[in-house]
């Protein structure tokens, strides 16, 4: 196998793993936080959940930080391969890094 093909396979698998963890974090997000707009929900007659599962919130935070670490490693590897071959930069890796760091910081400081 050529070196560029190995780099593409490695970057692709890291990217798919990172995005799969991001989707898994979205699935955890439902039970990991309380509803925010309580007054709006109560005025419209909808049921409101006042509590959340702190274990799932902690698990969600760990999953998000692992996702950020995977995307950071992938971005470093993408930088290396872009400078040593003709393969260009992948846009989805910084996007995943930005969104997972923002979500991790939100969970750490606001929830």
C-alpha atoms as a PDB file:
ATOM      1  CA  UNK A   1       0.000   0.000   0.000  1.00  0.00           C
ATOM      2  CA  UNK A   2       1.250   3.475  -0.778  1.00  0.00           C
ATOM      3  CA  UNK A   3       2.124   5.869   2.003  1.00  0.00           C
ATOM      4  CA  UNK A   4      -0.593   8.347   1.013  1.00  0.00           C
ATOM      5  CA  UNK A   5      -3.241   5.602   1.044  1.00  0.00           C
ATOM      6  CA  UNK A   6      -2.191   4.606   4.565  1.00  0.00           C
ATOM      7  CA  UNK A   7      -2.390   8.256   5.667  1.00  0.00           C
ATOM      8  CA  UNK A   8      -5.845   8.611   4.119  1.00  0.00           C
ATOM      9  CA  UNK A   9      -7.044   5.425   5.781  1.00  0.00           C
ATOM     10  CA  UNK A  10      -5.704   6.516   9.167  1.00  0.00           C
ATOM     11  CA  UNK A  11      -7.189  10.004   8.885  1.00  0.00           C
ATOM     12  CA  UNK A  12     -10.501   8.577   7.718  1.00  0.00           C
ATOM     13  CA  UNK A  13     -10.706   6.116  10.580  1.00  0.00           C
ATOM     14  CA  UNK A  14      -9.787   8.800  13.143  1.00  0.00           C
ATOM     15  CA  UNK A  15     -12.369  11.132  11.663  1.00  0.00           C
ATOM     16  CA  UNK A  16     -15.108   8.504  11.640  1.00  0.00           C
ATOM     17  CA  UNK A  17     -14.274   7.526  15.222  1.00  0.00           C
ATOM     18  CA  UNK A  18     -14.433  11.150  16.350  1.00  0.00           C
ATOM     19  CA  UNK A  19     -17.749  11.825  14.644  1.00  0.00           C
ATOM     20  CA  UNK A  20     -19.194   8.554  15.973  1.00  0.00           C
ATOM     21  CA  UNK A  21     -18.299   9.676  19.483  1.00  0.00           C
ATOM     22  CA  UNK A  22     -19.929  13.039  18.790  1.00  0.00           C
ATOM     23  CA  UNK A  23     -23.155  11.306  17.736  1.00  0.00           C
ATOM     24  CA  UNK A  24     -22.973   9.109  20.847  1.00  0.00           C
ATOM     25  CA  UNK A  25     -22.581  12.287  22.929  1.00  0.00           C
ATOM     26  CA  UNK A  26     -25.744  13.662  21.329  1.00  0.00           C
ATOM     27  CA  UNK A  27     -27.592  10.515  22.361  1.00  0.00           C
ATOM     28  CA  UNK A  28     -26.381  10.945  25.959  1.00  0.00           C
ATOM     29  CA  UNK A  29     -27.296  14.631  25.987  1.00  0.00           C
ATOM     30  CA  UNK A  30     -31.016  13.978  26.414  1.00  0.00           C
ATOM     31  CA  UNK A  31     -30.760  12.619  29.958  1.00  0.00           C
ATOM     32  CA  UNK A  32     -27.637  14.526  30.988  1.00  0.00           C
ATOM     33  CA  UNK A  33     -29.176  17.934  31.638  1.00  0.00           C
ATOM     34  CA  UNK A  34     -32.393  19.503  32.911  1.00  0.00           C
ATOM     35  CA  UNK A  35     -34.750  21.489  30.715  1.00  0.00           C
ATOM     36  CA  UNK A  36     -33.688  25.133  30.512  1.00  0.00           C
ATOM     37  CA  UNK A  37     -36.807  27.141  29.699  1.00  0.00           C
ATOM     38  CA  UNK A  38     -38.961  25.978  32.602  1.00  0.00           C
ATOM     39  CA  UNK A  39     -41.265  28.990  32.611  1.00  0.00           C
ATOM     40  CA  UNK A  40     -42.005  28.662  28.909  1.00  0.00           C
ATOM     41  CA  UNK A  41     -42.752  24.951  29.203  1.00  0.00           C
ATOM     42  CA  UNK A  42     -44.989  25.417  32.252  1.00  0.00           C
ATOM     43  CA  UNK A  43     -46.961  28.200  30.565  1.00  0.00           C
ATOM     44  CA  UNK A  44     -47.572  25.977  27.515  1.00  0.00           C
ATOM     45  CA  UNK A  45     -48.599  22.987  29.638  1.00  0.00           C
ATOM     46  CA  UNK A  46     -45.746  20.674  28.626  1.00  0.00           C
ATOM     47  CA  UNK A  47     -44.106  18.274  31.028  1.00  0.00           C
ATOM     48  CA  UNK A  48     -40.805  19.491  32.408  1.00  0.00           C
ATOM     49  CA  UNK A  49     -37.931  17.462  33.806  1.00  0.00           C
ATOM     50  CA  UNK A  50     -36.367  19.271  36.766  1.00  0.00           C
ATOM     51  CA  UNK A  51     -33.579  16.812  37.485  1.00  0.00           C
ATOM     52  CA  UNK A  52     -30.868  15.108  35.509  1.00  0.00           C
ATOM     53  CA  UNK A  53     -28.613  12.148  35.910  1.00  0.00           C
ATOM     54  CA  UNK A  54     -25.227  13.413  37.155  1.00  0.00           C
ATOM     55  CA  UNK A  55     -23.536  10.142  36.199  1.00  0.00           C
ATOM     56  CA  UNK A  56     -24.603  10.555  32.578  1.00  0.00           C
ATOM     57  CA  UNK A  57     -23.550  14.199  32.679  1.00  0.00           C
ATOM     58  CA  UNK A  58     -20.065  13.161  33.768  1.00  0.00           C
ATOM     59  CA  UNK A  59     -20.023  10.414  31.133  1.00  0.00           C
ATOM     60  CA  UNK A  60     -21.084  12.953  28.516  1.00  0.00           C
ATOM     61  CA  UNK A  61     -18.235  15.249  29.514  1.00  0.00           C
ATOM     62  CA  UNK A  62     -15.690  12.433  29.261  1.00  0.00           C
ATOM     63  CA  UNK A  63     -16.983  11.384  25.836  1.00  0.00           C
ATOM     64  CA  UNK A  64     -16.769  14.955  24.580  1.00  0.00           C
ATOM     65  CA  UNK A  65     -13.192  15.404  25.823  1.00  0.00           C
ATOM     66  CA  UNK A  66     -12.149  12.080  24.264  1.00  0.00           C
ATOM     67  CA  UNK A  67     -13.727  13.269  21.030  1.00  0.00           C
ATOM     68  CA  UNK A  68     -11.724  16.509  21.291  1.00  0.00           C
ATOM     69  CA  UNK A  69      -8.509  14.572  21.925  1.00  0.00           C
ATOM     70  CA  UNK A  70      -9.106  12.295  18.924  1.00  0.00           C
ATOM     71  CA  UNK A  71      -9.805  15.263  16.677  1.00  0.00           C
ATOM     72  CA  UNK A  72      -6.694  17.089  17.971  1.00  0.00           C
ATOM     73  CA  UNK A  73      -4.506  14.067  17.220  1.00  0.00           C
ATOM     74  CA  UNK A  74      -6.146  13.771  13.829  1.00  0.00           C
ATOM     75  CA  UNK A  75      -5.566  17.450  13.109  1.00  0.00           C
ATOM     76  CA  UNK A  76      -1.854  17.155  13.989  1.00  0.00           C
ATOM     77  CA  UNK A  77      -1.587  14.095  11.758  1.00  0.00           C
ATOM     78  CA  UNK A  78      -3.423  15.924   8.959  1.00  0.00           C
ATOM     79  CA  UNK A  79      -1.009  18.846   9.263  1.00  0.00           C
ATOM     80  CA  UNK A  80       1.937  16.462   8.977  1.00  0.00           C
ATOM     81  CA  UNK A  81       0.552  14.644   5.956  1.00  0.00           C
ATOM     82  CA  UNK A  82      -0.441  17.857   4.196  1.00  0.00           C
ATOM     83  CA  UNK A  83       3.120  19.118   4.413  1.00  0.00           C
ATOM     84  CA  UNK A  84       4.764  15.841   3.378  1.00  0.00           C
ATOM     85  CA  UNK A  85       2.463  14.757   0.563  1.00  0.00           C
ATOM     86  CA  UNK A  86       0.011  16.178  -1.935  1.00  0.00           C
ATOM     87  CA  UNK A  87      -2.957  15.439   0.268  1.00  0.00           C
ATOM     88  CA  UNK A  88      -4.689  18.606   1.407  1.00  0.00           C
ATOM     89  CA  UNK A  89      -6.295  19.636   4.656  1.00  0.00           C
ATOM     90  CA  UNK A  90      -9.530  18.036   5.798  1.00  0.00           C
ATOM     91  CA  UNK A  91     -12.198  20.513   6.874  1.00  0.00           C
ATOM     92  CA  UNK A  92     -14.170  18.163   9.142  1.00  0.00           C
ATOM     93  CA  UNK A  93     -11.311  17.678  11.624  1.00  0.00           C
ATOM     94  CA  UNK A  94     -11.060  21.318  12.840  1.00  0.00           C
ATOM     95  CA  UNK A  95     -14.853  21.514  12.808  1.00  0.00           C
ATOM     96  CA  UNK A  96     -15.092  18.509  15.130  1.00  0.00           C
ATOM     97  CA  UNK A  97     -12.327  19.898  17.349  1.00  0.00           C
ATOM     98  CA  UNK A  98     -14.022  23.279  17.643  1.00  0.00           C
ATOM     99  CA  UNK A  99     -17.450  21.846  18.397  1.00  0.00           C
ATOM    100  CA  UNK A 100     -16.201  19.293  20.916  1.00  0.00           C
ATOM    101  CA  UNK A 101     -14.024  21.827  22.780  1.00  0.00           C
ATOM    102  CA  UNK A 102     -16.929  24.278  22.893  1.00  0.00           C
ATOM    103  CA  UNK A 103     -19.284  21.573  24.189  1.00  0.00           C
ATOM    104  CA  UNK A 104     -16.708  20.390  26.737  1.00  0.00           C
ATOM    105  CA  UNK A 105     -16.159  23.907  28.043  1.00  0.00           C
ATOM    106  CA  UNK A 106     -19.917  24.468  28.207  1.00  0.00           C
ATOM    107  CA  UNK A 107     -20.385  21.310  30.266  1.00  0.00           C
ATOM    108  CA  UNK A 108     -17.450  22.117  32.518  1.00  0.00           C
ATOM    109  CA  UNK A 109     -18.421  25.702  33.356  1.00  0.00           C
ATOM    110  CA  UNK A 110     -22.165  26.137  32.729  1.00  0.00           C
ATOM    111  CA  UNK A 111     -23.940  22.894  33.619  1.00  0.00           C
END
